[in-house]
PDB file of N, CA and C in Angstrom:
ATOM      1  N   MET A   1     157.936  36.290  -4.059  1.00  0.00           N
ATOM      2  CA  MET A   1     157.872  35.159  -3.100  1.00  0.00           C
ATOM      3  C   MET A   1     159.027  35.212  -2.199  1.00  0.00           C
ATOM      4  N   GLY A   2     158.689  35.671  -0.923  1.00  0.00           N
ATOM      5  CA  GLY A   2     159.837  35.698  -0.045  1.00  0.00           C
ATOM      6  C   GLY A   2     159.884  34.497   0.917  1.00  0.00           C
ATOM      7  N   GLY A   3     160.801  34.467   1.816  1.00  0.00           N
ATOM      8  CA  GLY A   3     160.896  33.387   2.816  1.00  0.00           C
ATOM      9  C   GLY A   3     159.783  33.358   3.807  1.00  0.00           C
ATOM     10  N   ILE A   4     159.186  34.538   3.962  1.00  0.00           N
ATOM     11  CA  ILE A   4     158.099  34.561   4.850  1.00  0.00           C
ATOM     12  C   ILE A   4     156.847  33.883   4.337  1.00  0.00           C
ATOM     13  N   THR A   5     156.640  33.786   3.130  1.00  0.00           N
ATOM     14  CA  THR A   5     155.558  33.086   2.570  1.00  0.00           C
ATOM     15  C   THR A   5     155.709  31.614   2.726  1.00  0.00           C
ATOM     16  N   ASP A   6     156.879  31.151   2.498  1.00  0.00           N
ATOM     17  CA  ASP A   6     157.246  29.694   2.790  1.00  0.00           C
ATOM     18  C   ASP A   6     157.056  29.284   4.179  1.00  0.00           C
ATOM     19  N   GLU A   7     157.445  30.192   5.090  1.00  0.00           N
ATOM     20  CA  GLU A   7     157.297  29.865   6.535  1.00  0.00           C
ATOM     21  C   GLU A   7     155.834  29.874   6.912  1.00  0.00           C
ATOM     22  N   TRP A   8     155.158  30.777   6.334  1.00  0.00           N
ATOM     23  CA  TRP A   8     153.604  30.879   6.742  1.00  0.00           C
ATOM     24  C   TRP A   8     152.943  29.581   6.198  1.00  0.00           C
ATOM     25  N   LEU A   9     153.295  29.078   4.980  1.00  0.00           N
ATOM     26  CA  LEU A   9     152.678  27.928   4.510  1.00  0.00           C
ATOM     27  C   LEU A   9     153.044  26.637   5.334  1.00  0.00           C
ATOM     28  N   PHE A  10     154.347  26.569   5.625  1.00  0.00           N
ATOM     29  CA  PHE A  10     154.826  25.529   6.548  1.00  0.00           C
ATOM     30  C   PHE A  10     154.170  25.460   7.881  1.00  0.00           C
ATOM     31  N   TYR A  11     154.156  26.670   8.624  1.00  0.00           N
ATOM     32  CA  TYR A  11     153.582  26.555   9.922  1.00  0.00           C
ATOM     33  C   TYR A  11     152.100  26.509   9.821  1.00  0.00           C
ATOM     34  N   GLY A  12     151.438  27.152   8.862  1.00  0.00           N
ATOM     35  CA  GLY A  12     150.028  27.036   8.658  1.00  0.00           C
ATOM     36  C   GLY A  12     149.602  25.561   8.397  1.00  0.00           C
ATOM     37  N   GLY A  13     150.383  24.867   7.637  1.00  0.00           N
ATOM     38  CA  GLY A  13     150.030  23.375   7.393  1.00  0.00           C
ATOM     39  C   GLY A  13     150.246  22.598   8.666  1.00  0.00           C
ATOM     40  N   MET A  14     151.191  22.917   9.468  1.00  0.00           N
ATOM     41  CA  MET A  14     151.388  22.162  10.738  1.00  0.00           C
ATOM     42  C   MET A  14     150.277  22.452  11.673  1.00  0.00           C
ATOM     43  N   PHE A  15     149.873  23.771  11.721  1.00  0.00           N
ATOM     44  CA  PHE A  15     148.761  24.148  12.591  1.00  0.00           C
ATOM     45  C   PHE A  15     147.490  23.461  12.201  1.00  0.00           C
ATOM     46  N   LEU A  16     147.228  23.361  10.937  1.00  0.00           N
ATOM     47  CA  LEU A  16     146.029  22.728  10.433  1.00  0.00           C
ATOM     48  C   LEU A  16     146.058  21.232  10.683  1.00  0.00           C
ATOM     49  N   ALA A  17     147.223  20.577  10.540  1.00  0.00           N
ATOM     50  CA  ALA A  17     147.286  19.176  10.910  1.00  0.00           C
ATOM     51  C   ALA A  17     147.007  18.943  12.339  1.00  0.00           C
ATOM     52  N   ALA A  18     147.612  19.830  13.147  1.00  0.00           N
ATOM     53  CA  ALA A  18     147.384  19.632  14.615  1.00  0.00           C
ATOM     54  C   ALA A  18     146.036  19.830  14.982  1.00  0.00           C
ATOM     55  N   GLY A  19     145.292  20.839  14.396  1.00  0.00           N
ATOM     56  CA  GLY A  19     143.898  21.083  14.729  1.00  0.00           C
ATOM     57  C   GLY A  19     143.081  19.842  14.204  1.00  0.00           C
ATOM     58  N   SER A  20     143.394  19.308  13.101  1.00  0.00           N
ATOM     59  CA  SER A  20     142.661  18.182  12.616  1.00  0.00           C
ATOM     60  C   SER A  20     142.823  17.041  13.550  1.00  0.00           C
ATOM     61  N   LEU A  21     144.005  16.815  14.047  1.00  0.00           N
ATOM     62  CA  LEU A  21     144.219  15.768  15.016  1.00  0.00           C
ATOM     63  C   LEU A  21     143.458  15.928  16.322  1.00  0.00           C
ATOM     64  N   ILE A  22     143.405  17.128  16.766  1.00  0.00           N
ATOM     65  CA  ILE A  22     142.602  17.434  17.998  1.00  0.00           C
ATOM     66  C   ILE A  22     141.156  17.241  17.746  1.00  0.00           C
ATOM     67  N   ALA A  23     140.624  17.662  16.524  1.00  0.00           N
ATOM     68  CA  ALA A  23     139.245  17.392  16.260  1.00  0.00           C
ATOM     69  C   ALA A  23     138.929  15.888  16.154  1.00  0.00           C
ATOM     70  N   LEU A  24     139.843  15.099  15.586  1.00  0.00           N
ATOM     71  CA  LEU A  24     139.671  13.593  15.515  1.00  0.00           C
ATOM     72  C   LEU A  24     139.510  13.096  16.902  1.00  0.00           C
ATOM     73  N   ILE A  25     140.433  13.353  17.796  1.00  0.00           N
ATOM     74  CA  ILE A  25     140.416  12.967  19.209  1.00  0.00           C
ATOM     75  C   ILE A  25     139.086  13.360  19.870  1.00  0.00           C
ATOM     76  N   LEU A  26     138.652  14.554  19.709  1.00  0.00           N
ATOM     77  CA  LEU A  26     137.391  14.928  20.338  1.00  0.00           C
ATOM     78  C   LEU A  26     136.252  14.159  19.736  1.00  0.00           C
ATOM     79  N   TYR A  27     136.171  13.995  18.443  1.00  0.00           N
ATOM     80  CA  TYR A  27     135.157  13.202  17.798  1.00  0.00           C
ATOM     81  C   TYR A  27     135.062  11.774  18.229  1.00  0.00           C
ATOM     82  N   LEU A  28     136.315  11.183  18.398  1.00  0.00           N
ATOM     83  CA  LEU A  28     136.294   9.769  18.804  1.00  0.00           C
ATOM     84  C   LEU A  28     135.828   9.613  20.314  1.00  0.00           C
ATOM     85  N   CYS A  29     136.102  10.601  21.080  1.00  0.00           N
ATOM     86  CA  CYS A  29     135.683  10.508  22.539  1.00  0.00           C
ATOM     87  C   CYS A  29     134.255  10.713  22.610  1.00  0.00           C
ATOM     88  N   VAL A  30     133.679  11.737  21.887  1.00  0.00           N
ATOM     89  CA  VAL A  30     132.178  11.964  21.957  1.00  0.00           C
ATOM     90  C   VAL A  30     131.471  10.817  21.336  1.00  0.00           C
ATOM     91  N   SER A  31     131.883  10.272  20.250  1.00  0.00           N
ATOM     92  CA  SER A  31     131.114   9.097  19.550  1.00  0.00           C
ATOM     93  C   SER A  31     131.190   7.965  20.575  1.00  0.00           C
ATOM     94  N   LYS A  32     132.247   7.598  21.211  1.00  0.00           N
ATOM     95  CA  LYS A  32     132.409   6.581  22.129  1.00  0.00           C
ATOM     96  C   LYS A  32     131.435   6.720  23.308  1.00  0.00           C
ATOM     97  N   LEU A  33     131.303   7.912  23.799  1.00  0.00           N
ATOM     98  CA  LEU A  33     130.372   8.152  24.959  1.00  0.00           C
ATOM     99  C   LEU A  33     128.950   8.028  24.443  1.00  0.00           C
ATOM    100  N   ARG A  34     128.574   8.450  23.221  1.00  0.00           N
ATOM    101  CA  ARG A  34     127.236   8.448  22.693  1.00  0.00           C
ATOM    102  C   ARG A  34     126.895   6.943  22.514  1.00  0.00           C
ATOM    103  N   PHE A  35     127.883   6.188  21.904  1.00  0.00           N
ATOM    104  CA  PHE A  35     127.625   4.717  21.635  1.00  0.00           C
ATOM    105  C   PHE A  35     127.432   3.998  22.991  1.00  0.00           C
ATOM    106  N   ALA A  36     128.115   4.282  24.024  1.00  0.00           N
ATOM    107  CA  ALA A  36     127.972   3.631  25.313  1.00  0.00           C
ATOM    108  C   ALA A  36     126.595   3.956  25.867  1.00  0.00           C
ATOM    109  N   ARG A  37     126.107   5.237  25.796  1.00  0.00           N
ATOM    110  CA  ARG A  37     124.811   5.580  26.294  1.00  0.00           C
ATOM    111  C   ARG A  37     123.736   4.884  25.475  1.00  0.00           C
ATOM    112  N   LEU A  38     123.917   4.806  24.143  1.00  0.00           N
ATOM    113  CA  LEU A  38     122.875   4.078  23.342  1.00  0.00           C
ATOM    114  C   LEU A  38     122.862   2.615  23.637  1.00  0.00           C
ATOM    115  N   ARG A  39     123.912   2.015  23.884  1.00  0.00           N
ATOM    116  CA  ARG A  39     124.008   0.584  24.185  1.00  0.00           C
ATOM    117  C   ARG A  39     123.393   0.367  25.537  1.00  0.00           C
ATOM    118  N   ALA A  40     123.563   1.199  26.547  1.00  0.00           N
ATOM    119  CA  ALA A  40     122.878   1.117  27.772  1.00  0.00           C
ATOM    120  C   ALA A  40     121.451   1.205  27.657  1.00  0.00           C
ATOM    121  N   GLN A  41     120.897   2.147  26.875  1.00  0.00           N
ATOM    122  CA  GLN A  41     119.526   2.428  26.682  1.00  0.00           C
ATOM    123  C   GLN A  41     118.864   1.139  26.002  1.00  0.00           C
ATOM    124  N   LEU A  42     119.596   0.642  25.029  1.00  0.00           N
ATOM    125  CA  LEU A  42     119.076  -0.516  24.252  1.00  0.00           C
ATOM    126  C   LEU A  42     118.952  -1.720  25.265  1.00  0.00           C
ATOM    127  N   GLU A  43     120.001  -1.926  26.056  1.00  0.00           N
ATOM    128  CA  GLU A  43     119.955  -2.972  27.066  1.00  0.00           C
ATOM    129  C   GLU A  43     118.870  -2.825  28.058  1.00  0.00           C
ATOM    130  N   LYS A  44     118.566  -1.598  28.360  1.00  0.00           N
ATOM    131  CA  LYS A  44     117.566  -1.350  29.388  1.00  0.00           C
ATOM    132  C   LYS A  44     116.143  -1.660  28.743  1.00  0.00           C
ATOM    133  N   GLU A  45     115.979  -1.295  27.504  1.00  0.00           N
ATOM    134  CA  GLU A  45     114.707  -1.559  26.879  1.00  0.00           C
ATOM    135  C   GLU A  45     114.472  -2.960  26.363  1.00  0.00           C
ATOM    136  N   TYR A  46     115.537  -3.560  25.840  1.00  0.00           N
ATOM    137  CA  TYR A  46     115.408  -4.895  25.149  1.00  0.00           C
ATOM    138  C   TYR A  46     116.188  -5.973  25.813  1.00  0.00           C
ATOM    139  N   GLY A  47     116.927  -5.735  26.879  1.00  0.00           N
ATOM    140  CA  GLY A  47     117.686  -6.782  27.548  1.00  0.00           C
ATOM    141  C   GLY A  47     118.983  -6.983  26.822  1.00  0.00           C
ATOM    142  N   LYS A  48     119.806  -7.855  27.390  1.00  0.00           N
ATOM    143  CA  LYS A  48     121.179  -8.107  26.952  1.00  0.00           C
ATOM    144  C   LYS A  48     121.102  -8.706  25.506  1.00  0.00           C
ATOM    145  N   ARG A  49     122.074  -8.402  24.751  1.00  0.00           N
ATOM    146  CA  ARG A  49     122.118  -8.904  23.377  1.00  0.00           C
ATOM    147  C   ARG A  49     122.562 -10.396  23.390  1.00  0.00           C
ATOM    148  N   GLU A  50     121.863 -11.278  22.724  1.00  0.00           N
ATOM    149  CA  GLU A  50     122.220 -12.635  22.493  1.00  0.00           C
ATOM    150  C   GLU A  50     123.040 -12.810  21.256  1.00  0.00           C
ATOM    151  N   ARG A  51     124.086 -13.630  21.395  1.00  0.00           N
ATOM    152  CA  ARG A  51     124.941 -13.854  20.120  1.00  0.00           C
ATOM    153  C   ARG A  51     124.817 -15.211  19.617  1.00  0.00           C
TER     154      ARG A  51
END
């Protein structure tokens, strides 16, 4: 076990964490857009929601 293995694990973990964060941001943006479209479609078909 050399120093290179430790560095690969460290930077690999950081890369994986950064990729997960980017995937989370993309998921949240896409789901927010889809929810807005769904809400608009439901309002069009059924009218405004009464609370």
